[in-house]
Protein backbone atom coordinates (compact mmCIF):
# COMPACT_ATOMS: atom_id res chain seq x y z
CA UNK A 1 -17.21 15.67 -31.70
CA UNK A 2 -18.73 12.82 -29.65
CA UNK A 3 -19.34 9.47 -31.29
CA UNK A 4 -22.40 9.40 -33.53
CA UNK A 5 -25.42 7.55 -32.11
CA UNK A 6 -25.83 4.19 -33.73
CA UNK A 7 -22.13 3.72 -34.51
CA UNK A 8 -20.33 0.70 -33.11
CA UNK A 9 -19.81 0.61 -29.39
CA UNK A 10 -16.20 1.44 -28.55
CA UNK A 11 -14.09 -0.48 -26.03
CA UNK A 12 -11.96 0.71 -23.15
CA UNK A 13 -9.66 -0.97 -20.64
CA UNK A 14 -8.96 0.44 -17.18
CA UNK A 15 -5.88 -0.92 -15.42
CA UNK A 16 -6.63 -1.07 -11.69
CA UNK A 17 -9.85 -1.10 -9.67
CA UNK A 18 -8.54 1.80 -7.59
CA UNK A 19 -10.64 4.84 -6.77
CA UNK A 20 -9.17 6.46 -9.88
CA UNK A 21 -9.89 3.36 -11.92
CA UNK A 22 -13.47 2.96 -10.78
CA UNK A 23 -14.34 6.60 -11.37
CA UNK A 24 -12.69 6.41 -14.79
CA UNK A 25 -14.71 3.28 -15.59
CA UNK A 26 -17.92 5.06 -14.56
CA UNK A 27 -17.11 7.88 -16.97
CA UNK A 28 -16.00 5.65 -19.83
CA UNK A 29 -19.15 3.51 -19.64
CA UNK A 30 -21.05 6.37 -21.30
CA UNK A 31 -18.76 6.11 -24.31
CA UNK A 32 -17.55 2.50 -24.47
CA UNK A 33 -17.82 -1.01 -23.09
CA UNK A 34 -15.31 -1.09 -20.25
CA UNK A 35 -13.14 -3.85 -18.82
CA UNK A 36 -11.42 -3.21 -15.48
CA UNK A 37 -8.25 -5.27 -15.01
CA UNK A 38 -7.41 -5.84 -11.34
CA UNK A 39 -4.46 -7.79 -9.98
CA UNK A 40 -6.14 -8.57 -6.63
CA UNK A 41 -9.33 -10.32 -5.61
CA UNK A 42 -11.72 -7.59 -4.51
CA UNK A 43 -13.44 -8.08 -1.14
CA UNK A 44 -17.20 -8.50 -1.03
CA UNK A 45 -17.67 -6.03 1.82
CA UNK A 46 -15.99 -3.01 3.44
CA UNK A 47 -12.73 -4.81 4.10
CA UNK A 48 -9.07 -4.05 3.49
CA UNK A 49 -7.34 -5.52 0.46
CA UNK A 50 -3.72 -6.22 -0.27
CA UNK A 51 -3.29 -3.64 -3.01
CA UNK A 52 -4.34 -0.69 -0.82
CA UNK A 53 -2.09 -0.73 2.28
CA UNK A 54 -2.85 2.94 2.93
CA UNK A 55 -6.50 2.03 3.57
CA UNK A 56 -5.57 1.29 7.19
CA UNK A 57 -4.86 4.98 7.80
CA UNK A 58 -7.03 8.09 8.11
CA UNK A 59 -8.54 9.47 4.89
CA UNK A 60 -10.48 12.63 4.18
CA UNK A 61 -12.40 13.73 1.10
CA UNK A 62 -12.23 17.51 0.78
CA UNK A 63 -15.03 19.69 -0.63
CA UNK A 64 -13.54 19.61 -4.13
CA UNK A 65 -13.60 15.82 -3.97
CA UNK A 66 -17.13 15.61 -2.55
CA UNK A 67 -18.36 17.80 -5.39
CA UNK A 68 -16.53 15.68 -7.98
CA UNK A 69 -17.88 12.46 -6.41
CA UNK A 70 -21.42 13.81 -6.75
CA UNK A 71 -20.88 14.95 -10.34
CA UNK A 72 -19.71 11.47 -11.29
CA UNK A 73 -22.06 9.38 -9.13
CA UNK A 74 -25.02 11.41 -7.88
CA UNK A 75 -26.10 10.32 -4.40
CA UNK A 76 -22.73 8.77 -3.55
CA UNK A 77 -22.25 10.92 -0.46
CA UNK A 78 -25.70 10.00 0.85
CA UNK A 79 -24.87 6.31 0.32
CA UNK A 80 -21.72 6.64 2.46
CA UNK A 81 -23.52 8.62 5.17
CA UNK A 82 -26.35 6.06 5.26
CA UNK A 83 -23.76 3.41 6.13
CA UNK A 84 -22.16 5.33 8.97
CA UNK A 85 -20.01 7.97 7.29
CA UNK A 86 -20.35 11.65 8.17
CA UNK A 87 -20.29 14.92 6.24
CA UNK A 88 -18.50 17.28 8.61
CA UNK A 89 -18.26 21.05 8.35
CA UNK A 90 -14.85 22.68 8.05
CA UNK A 91 -14.07 24.21 10.57
CA UNK A 92 -17.24 23.86 12.62
CA UNK A 93 -16.72 20.12 13.09
CA UNK A 94 -12.94 20.24 13.27
CA UNK A 95 -10.37 21.03 15.94
CA UNK A 96 -7.18 21.73 14.02
CA UNK A 97 -3.72 23.04 14.82
CA UNK A 98 -1.89 24.37 11.75
CA UNK A 99 1.77 23.71 10.86
CA UNK A 100 2.60 27.25 11.99
CA UNK A 101 1.37 26.30 15.50
CA UNK A 102 -1.90 28.26 15.59
CA UNK A 103 -5.33 26.80 16.35
CA UNK A 104 -8.12 27.46 13.88
CA UNK A 105 -11.27 28.99 15.29
CA UNK A 106 -14.32 26.87 14.56
CA UNK A 107 -15.99 29.27 12.14
CA UNK A 108 -19.18 27.96 10.53
CA UNK A 109 -19.53 30.55 7.75
CA UNK A 110 -17.86 28.55 4.96
CA UNK A 111 -19.58 26.04 2.66
CA UNK A 112 -16.78 23.49 2.98
CA UNK A 113 -17.19 19.91 4.21
CA UNK A 114 -15.15 16.75 4.64
CA UNK A 115 -16.63 13.34 3.87
CA UNK A 116 -15.36 11.19 6.74
CA UNK A 117 -15.39 7.39 6.93
CA UNK A 118 -12.93 4.53 6.76
CA UNK A 119 -11.29 3.98 3.39
CA UNK A 120 -12.68 0.44 3.42
CA UNK A 121 -16.25 1.74 3.55
CA UNK A 122 -15.67 4.33 0.86
CA UNK A 123 -14.09 1.77 -1.48
CA UNK A 124 -16.92 -0.69 -0.85
CA UNK A 125 -19.65 1.82 -1.69
CA UNK A 126 -17.73 2.88 -4.80
CA UNK A 127 -17.29 -0.70 -6.01
CA UNK A 128 -20.99 -1.39 -5.51
CA UNK A 129 -22.04 1.68 -7.45
CA UNK A 130 -19.65 1.25 -10.37
CA UNK A 131 -19.42 -2.50 -10.87
CA UNK A 132 -23.17 -3.04 -11.01
CA UNK A 133 -23.20 -1.15 -14.33
CA UNK A 134 -23.73 -3.81 -17.05
CA UNK A 135 -21.44 -1.85 -19.39
CA UNK A 136 -18.51 -2.50 -17.04
CA UNK A 137 -16.88 -5.91 -16.54
CA UNK A 138 -14.22 -6.88 -14.00
CA UNK A 139 -11.26 -9.18 -14.67
CA UNK A 140 -9.65 -10.02 -11.30
CA UNK A 141 -6.31 -11.69 -10.49
CA UNK A 142 -4.89 -10.42 -13.76
CA UNK A 143 -1.55 -8.65 -14.15
CA UNK A 144 -0.84 -6.28 -17.05
CA UNK A 145 2.54 -7.06 -18.60
CA UNK A 146 2.68 -4.26 -21.15
CA UNK A 147 0.97 -2.27 -23.86
CA UNK A 148 0.19 -3.40 -27.40
CA UNK A 149 0.87 -0.95 -30.21
CA UNK A 150 3.61 1.51 -31.06
CA UNK A 151 4.77 5.03 -30.29
CA UNK A 152 1.87 6.46 -32.28
CA UNK A 153 -1.08 4.44 -30.96
CA UNK A 154 -1.82 1.96 -28.20
CA UNK A 155 -4.30 -0.69 -29.28
CA UNK A 156 -4.51 -2.87 -26.15
CA UNK A 157 -2.62 -4.64 -23.39
CA UNK A 158 -0.86 -7.90 -22.68
CA UNK A 159 -2.34 -9.45 -19.55
CA UNK A 160 -1.37 -12.54 -17.55
CA UNK A 161 -3.43 -14.65 -15.16
CA UNK A 162 -3.43 -18.28 -14.00
CA UNK A 163 -4.23 -19.44 -17.53
CA UNK A 164 -1.25 -17.70 -19.13
CA UNK A 165 -0.79 -14.52 -21.14
CA UNK A 166 -3.27 -13.07 -23.62
CA UNK A 167 -3.83 -9.87 -25.56
CA UNK A 168 -6.86 -7.62 -25.05
CA UNK A 169 -7.61 -4.95 -27.64
CA UNK A 170 -9.30 -1.62 -26.91
CA UNK A 171 -9.84 1.83 -28.37
CA UNK A 172 -8.58 3.42 -25.14
CA UNK A 173 -6.41 2.06 -22.33
CA UNK A 174 -6.39 4.00 -19.04
CA UNK A 175 -3.69 3.28 -16.46
CA UNK A 176 -5.10 3.85 -12.96
CA UNK A 177 -2.82 1.38 -11.20
CA UNK A 178 -1.62 3.84 -8.56
CA UNK A 179 1.79 4.61 -7.11
CA UNK A 180 3.22 1.36 -8.44
CA UNK A 181 2.31 2.19 -12.05
CA UNK A 182 4.62 0.65 -14.65
CA UNK A 183 3.54 3.06 -17.39
CA UNK A 184 6.99 4.73 -17.73
CA UNK A 185 8.54 1.40 -18.69
CA UNK A 186 5.60 0.45 -20.92
CA UNK A 187 6.00 3.67 -22.90
CA UNK A 188 9.75 3.13 -23.25
CA UNK A 189 9.05 -0.32 -24.68
CA UNK A 190 7.02 1.40 -27.41
CA UNK A 191 9.97 3.61 -28.28
CA UNK A 192 9.01 6.74 -26.37
CA UNK A 193 11.47 8.62 -24.12
CA UNK A 194 11.50 8.28 -20.37
CA UNK A 195 9.00 10.58 -18.68
CA UNK A 196 10.41 13.30 -16.44
CA UNK A 197 9.81 12.56 -12.77
CA UNK A 198 10.24 14.45 -9.52
CA UNK A 199 10.14 13.14 -5.97
CA UNK A 200 9.85 15.09 -2.74
CA UNK A 201 10.03 12.79 0.26
CA UNK A 202 9.71 14.26 3.72
CA UNK A 203 10.40 10.78 5.12
CA UNK A 204 7.00 10.56 6.76
CA UNK A 205 6.00 7.29 8.44
CA UNK A 206 2.47 6.54 9.64
CA UNK A 207 1.06 4.44 12.46
CA UNK A 208 -2.66 3.89 12.94
CA UNK A 209 -4.76 2.25 15.63
CA UNK A 210 -8.52 1.99 16.01
CA UNK A 211 -10.19 2.79 19.34
CA UNK A 212 -13.71 2.42 20.61
CA UNK A 213 -15.07 5.96 20.85
CA UNK A 214 -16.63 7.00 24.17
CA UNK A 215 -20.35 6.32 23.77
CA UNK A 216 -21.38 9.93 24.35
CA UNK A 217 -19.21 11.14 21.45
CA UNK A 218 -20.57 8.85 18.71
CA UNK A 219 -22.00 10.82 15.81
CA UNK A 220 -21.12 14.21 17.30
CA UNK A 221 -17.40 14.43 18.02
CA UNK A 222 -15.22 16.61 15.76
CA UNK A 223 -12.09 15.67 13.87
CA UNK A 224 -9.06 16.47 16.02
CA UNK A 225 -5.93 17.28 14.03
CA UNK A 226 -2.49 18.37 15.26
CA UNK A 227 -0.38 19.04 12.18
CA UNK A 228 3.37 18.63 12.06
CA UNK A 229 5.62 21.68 12.17
CA UNK A 230 8.06 21.70 9.20
CA UNK A 231 11.28 22.68 10.95
CA UNK A 232 14.83 21.56 10.45
CA UNK A 233 15.41 21.66 14.19
CA UNK A 234 13.33 18.55 14.97
CA UNK A 235 11.35 15.85 13.19
CA UNK A 236 7.86 16.88 12.11
CA UNK A 237 5.29 14.99 14.17
CA UNK A 238 1.51 15.11 13.86
CA UNK A 239 -1.64 13.15 14.47
CA UNK A 240 -5.35 13.00 13.78
CA UNK A 241 -8.42 11.46 15.38
CA UNK A 242 -10.98 10.62 12.72
CA UNK A 243 -14.41 9.58 14.04
CA UNK A 244 -15.48 6.83 11.61
CA UNK A 245 -18.40 4.43 11.31
CA UNK A 246 -19.33 1.81 13.92
CA UNK A 247 -18.49 4.06 16.87
CA UNK A 248 -14.73 4.04 16.30
CA UNK A 249 -11.91 6.56 16.40
CA UNK A 250 -9.25 6.04 13.76
CA UNK A 251 -6.06 7.51 15.22
CA UNK A 252 -3.22 8.09 12.78
CA UNK A 253 0.16 9.41 13.96
CA UNK A 254 2.91 10.60 11.63
CA UNK A 255 6.55 11.54 11.93
CA UNK A 256 9.40 12.47 9.62
CA UNK A 257 12.95 11.09 9.65
CA UNK A 258 14.21 10.49 13.15
CA UNK A 259 10.76 10.86 14.68
CA UNK A 260 8.74 8.02 13.17
CA UNK A 261 5.99 6.28 15.15
CA UNK A 262 6.26 2.52 15.70
CA UNK A 263 4.03 -0.50 16.33
CA UNK A 264 4.81 -0.49 20.04
CA UNK A 265 1.59 0.22 21.96
CA UNK A 266 3.23 2.14 24.82
CA UNK A 267 5.30 4.18 22.40
CA UNK A 268 2.14 4.96 20.39
CA UNK A 269 0.54 6.60 23.44
CA UNK A 270 3.74 8.42 24.35
CA UNK A 271 4.06 9.69 20.77
CA UNK A 272 0.47 11.01 20.78
CA UNK A 273 0.98 12.73 24.09
CA UNK A 274 4.27 14.22 22.96
CA UNK A 275 2.93 16.12 19.96
CA UNK A 276 3.12 19.92 19.89
CA UNK A 277 -0.17 19.76 21.81
CA UNK A 278 -1.02 16.66 23.88
CA UNK A 279 -4.78 16.70 23.14
CA UNK A 280 -4.75 13.49 21.04
CA UNK A 281 -2.79 11.63 23.69
CA UNK A 282 -5.16 12.90 26.36
CA UNK A 283 -8.20 11.74 24.39
CA UNK A 284 -7.01 8.19 23.72
CA UNK A 285 -5.12 7.29 26.91
CA UNK A 286 -8.28 5.93 28.51
CA UNK A 287 -9.93 4.63 25.34
CA UNK A 288 -10.25 0.93 24.45
CA UNK A 289 -7.98 -0.10 21.56
CA UNK A 290 -9.51 -2.27 18.83
CA UNK A 291 -6.74 -4.37 17.33
CA UNK A 292 -3.08 -3.66 16.77
CA UNK A 293 -1.08 -0.85 15.18
CA UNK A 294 -0.47 -0.68 11.43
CA UNK A 295 2.49 1.25 10.00
CA UNK A 296 3.31 2.55 6.50
CA UNK A 297 6.40 4.30 5.15
CA UNK A 298 5.64 4.76 1.43
CA UNK A 299 4.47 8.39 1.60
CA UNK A 300 6.69 10.35 -0.80
CA UNK A 301 5.27 12.93 -3.19
CA UNK A 302 6.12 11.62 -6.65
CA UNK A 303 5.01 13.15 -9.95
CA UNK A 304 5.40 12.06 -13.55
CA UNK A 305 5.10 14.87 -16.09
CA UNK A 306 3.35 12.99 -18.88
CA UNK A 307 1.66 16.15 -20.12
CA UNK A 308 5.10 17.59 -21.00
CA UNK A 309 6.20 14.72 -23.24
CA UNK A 310 6.84 15.82 -26.83
CA UNK A 311 4.94 12.91 -28.30
CA UNK A 312 2.10 10.87 -26.83
CA UNK A 313 0.39 7.78 -28.24
CA UNK A 314 -3.28 7.85 -29.15
CA UNK A 315 -5.34 5.32 -27.23
CA UNK A 316 -3.55 5.63 -23.87
CA UNK A 317 -3.97 7.81 -20.78
CA UNK A 318 -2.73 7.82 -17.17
CA UNK A 319 -4.86 9.06 -14.26
CA UNK A 320 -4.76 9.64 -10.50
CA UNK A 321 -1.93 8.28 -8.36
CA UNK A 322 -0.34 6.79 -11.45
CA UNK A 323 0.45 10.39 -12.46
CA UNK A 324 1.26 11.67 -8.99
CA UNK A 325 1.12 10.26 -5.48
CA UNK A 326 0.97 12.70 -2.59
CA UNK A 327 1.98 12.64 1.04
CA UNK A 328 -1.27 11.34 2.59
CA UNK A 329 -1.15 13.92 5.39
CA UNK A 330 -2.79 16.44 3.05
CA UNK A 331 -5.74 14.19 2.22
CA UNK A 332 -5.75 15.12 -1.46
CA UNK A 333 -5.35 11.76 -3.20
CA UNK A 334 -9.05 10.83 -3.31
CA UNK A 335 -10.07 14.30 -4.43
CA UNK A 336 -7.52 14.31 -7.26
CA UNK A 337 -8.67 10.84 -8.35
CA UNK A 338 -12.25 12.06 -8.78
CA UNK A 339 -11.21 15.33 -10.41
CA UNK A 340 -9.12 13.44 -12.96
CA UNK A 341 -12.23 11.44 -13.89
CA UNK A 342 -14.20 14.67 -14.26
CA UNK A 343 -11.46 15.92 -16.60
CA UNK A 344 -11.70 12.68 -18.59
CA UNK A 345 -15.46 13.12 -18.96
CA UNK A 346 -15.10 16.74 -20.03
CA UNK A 347 -12.75 15.80 -22.87
CA UNK A 348 -14.84 12.86 -24.06
CA UNK A 349 -18.01 14.95 -24.17
CA UNK A 350 -16.47 17.02 -26.96
CA UNK A 351 -13.97 14.62 -28.53
CA UNK A 352 -14.51 11.12 -29.91
CA UNK A 353 -12.70 8.46 -27.92
CA UNK A 354 -10.78 7.39 -31.07
CA UNK A 355 -10.09 10.89 -32.39
CA UNK A 356 -6.43 11.68 -33.11
CA UNK A 357 -5.02 13.60 -30.18
CA UNK A 358 -7.87 12.69 -27.79
CA UNK A 359 -5.55 10.84 -25.42
CA UNK A 360 -3.14 13.76 -25.27
CA UNK A 361 -6.02 16.11 -24.46
CA UNK A 362 -7.07 13.74 -21.66
CA UNK A 363 -3.53 13.69 -20.29
CA UNK A 364 -3.23 17.45 -20.27
CA UNK A 365 -6.66 17.88 -18.68
CA UNK A 366 -5.81 15.40 -15.91
CA UNK A 367 -2.59 17.30 -15.16
CA UNK A 368 -4.52 20.34 -13.93
CA UNK A 369 -5.99 18.87 -10.71
CA UNK A 370 -2.73 17.01 -10.16
CA UNK A 371 -0.74 20.25 -10.37
CA UNK A 372 -2.91 22.03 -7.81
CA UNK A 373 -2.45 19.32 -5.19
CA UNK A 374 1.23 18.93 -6.05
CA UNK A 375 2.04 22.59 -5.48
CA UNK A 376 0.36 22.59 -2.07
CA UNK A 377 2.12 19.42 -0.90
CA UNK A 378 5.58 20.21 -2.21
CA UNK A 379 5.57 23.78 -0.93
CA UNK A 380 5.54 22.37 2.61
CA UNK A 381 7.30 19.00 2.29
CA UNK A 382 10.29 20.40 0.39
CA UNK A 383 11.24 22.32 3.54
CA UNK A 384 11.98 19.12 5.50
CA UNK A 385 15.67 18.10 5.64
CA UNK A 386 16.58 15.53 2.99
CA UNK A 387 13.22 15.74 1.26
CA UNK A 388 14.60 16.38 -2.21
CA UNK A 389 17.84 16.65 -4.18
CA UNK A 390 16.26 19.52 -6.10
CA UNK A 391 15.96 22.65 -3.97
CA UNK A 392 12.52 24.26 -3.82
CA UNK A 393 11.95 26.69 -6.65
CA UNK A 394 11.52 30.40 -6.00
CA UNK A 395 7.80 30.00 -6.70
CA UNK A 396 7.51 27.10 -4.23
CA UNK A 397 9.34 29.07 -1.53
CA UNK A 398 7.11 32.07 -2.09
CA UNK A 399 3.96 29.95 -2.06
CA UNK A 400 5.02 28.27 1.20
CA UNK A 401 5.59 31.63 2.92
CA UNK A 402 2.38 33.08 1.53
CA UNK A 403 0.25 30.07 2.51
CA UNK A 404 1.74 30.24 6.00
CA UNK A 405 0.59 33.84 6.31
CA UNK A 406 -2.79 32.96 4.81
CA UNK A 407 -3.19 30.22 7.43
CA UNK A 408 -2.30 32.63 10.23
CA UNK A 409 -4.98 35.01 9.00
CA UNK A 410 -7.58 32.33 8.26
CA UNK A 411 -7.19 30.84 11.72
CA UNK A 412 -8.92 33.90 13.17
CA UNK A 413 -10.69 35.56 10.23
CA UNK A 414 -13.69 33.87 8.56
CA UNK A 415 -13.29 35.66 5.21
CA UNK A 416 -9.67 34.59 4.91
CA UNK A 417 -10.57 31.07 6.07
CA UNK A 418 -13.12 30.74 3.27
CA UNK A 419 -10.57 31.70 0.63
CA UNK A 420 -7.94 29.42 2.18
CA UNK A 421 -10.32 26.46 2.21
CA UNK A 422 -11.31 27.12 -1.40
CA UNK A 423 -7.69 26.34 -2.28
CA UNK A 424 -6.89 23.66 0.32
CA UNK A 425 -10.01 21.70 -0.65
CA UNK A 426 -8.97 21.81 -4.34
CA UNK A 427 -12.18 23.67 -5.17
CA UNK A 428 -10.43 26.74 -6.59
CA UNK A 429 -6.93 27.39 -7.98
CA UNK A 430 -4.19 28.88 -5.82
CA UNK A 431 -4.82 32.29 -7.39
CA UNK A 432 -7.86 32.45 -5.06
CA UNK A 433 -5.42 33.31 -2.28
CA UNK A 434 -4.60 36.55 -4.11
CA UNK A 435 -8.20 37.72 -4.51
CA UNK A 436 -8.82 41.29 -3.27
CA UNK A 437 -10.97 40.10 -0.34
CA UNK A 438 -8.17 37.79 0.80
CA UNK A 439 -5.51 40.48 0.50
CA UNK A 440 -7.66 42.92 2.45
CA UNK A 441 -8.31 40.36 5.17
CA UNK A 442 -4.60 39.64 5.47
CA UNK A 443 -3.77 43.34 5.67
CA UNK A 444 -6.66 44.94 7.55
CA UNK A 445 -9.34 42.37 8.40
CA UNK A 446 -10.62 41.68 11.92
CA UNK A 447 -8.19 39.47 13.72
CA UNK A 448 -9.31 37.92 16.96
CA UNK A 449 -6.54 36.79 19.31
CA UNK A 450 -4.98 33.40 18.59
CA UNK A 451 -6.49 30.60 20.64
CA UNK A 452 -4.37 29.33 23.54
CA UNK A 453 -5.38 25.69 23.02
CA UNK A 454 -7.68 23.26 21.20
CA UNK A 455 -11.21 24.71 20.84
CA UNK A 456 -13.16 21.76 22.20
CA UNK A 457 -16.42 22.73 23.83
CA UNK A 458 -17.15 21.94 27.46
CA UNK A 459 -19.70 19.31 26.38
CA UNK A 460 -17.20 17.70 23.99
CA UNK A 461 -14.60 17.52 26.72
CA UNK A 462 -17.07 15.98 29.14
CA UNK A 463 -18.33 13.45 26.58
CA UNK A 464 -14.75 12.45 25.75
CA UNK A 465 -13.94 12.13 29.45
CA UNK A 466 -11.25 14.81 29.36
């Protein structure tokens, strides 16, 4: 049961002021006084920071994430939109070529949306909303060295800053420190076994450059997305134009081993024009670049199966990217971060923060949104040469083939598209793809001809100077 009103106020520590960490802190503040431990100095405005190199690249928040954001922080989406972000309809406000080389029709019958803005803006609005809560304090420029406690219960952390090392005690410690999480080693130091891990690395590298959007497109232009084709015959290459705040296009290009984009400006344009469809290259070849090109190579899917460990200490939980990091091309990291926080809140609403087994229940609840995103990412990435030493399972192979057929149907059938987006947006489990309406659409539904090219309207082409 929840803590009794009038009892002492519990304490919680969140490691990392990441998106996962800030959402977790927002949830925990209803149950405890929260301290967020952050190794960096957080910027005052919508600026990049050292600990989030991926912030330079395109980010999307899918419908499942938008819904979770609003559950956790009502009005958050409106705050982002008021500062220049956009809530775009999928597929009405999107021009997208699928990995199986078909263009989606721009159906408007689904309820799905993407929240679109720069990562810097999203992080800034989130920090403002969460850190103004008086129940939450921030300790910057502090590095966590390890956990305090034993294999049965974690009671705090050892933290180091410019003044030396000290111990902080808490009823619950949440690790939200991202891909670089040191939790596996911390748990081993307490006498627990090494957590099982799996990595699937398609070898994707990213390169991003900002452009000034043509004036006539600002506030109206769709997302333009050419997805990579997972084939052993050639590197998978893709790209996206994300219209973000301040009249800018964020252009992110990606390529797997042997076909990676670089920082060379001429090569960037050639790469964009050489995708399976040249539309992105055509759109940016006359646009004004704003700054240089930023590249990133740390994009592997990596999962730690904490929920499967035989024993788990009370007082400790791991959330978000610290459980699993995903290839950013799928845009699921932010959604999973928020859904993990929703799972945390659900557990704590029925279980006292100090109750025996509460931390294990949190860990198992957080594994559910992680698993949904993991299955979608791995089903595709495991098909790239050299992606994994462990061959795809029979289930993963089947899911990849089935999703490919679902995409083919959804590209030209609005009923199938709705079911597909329910799953791709992490709003519904993958079983949604096997619903009777989906099966009927795949077998007998109306199927318009596949589009011969990107479905940009005549006005959009004119405004973009195509």
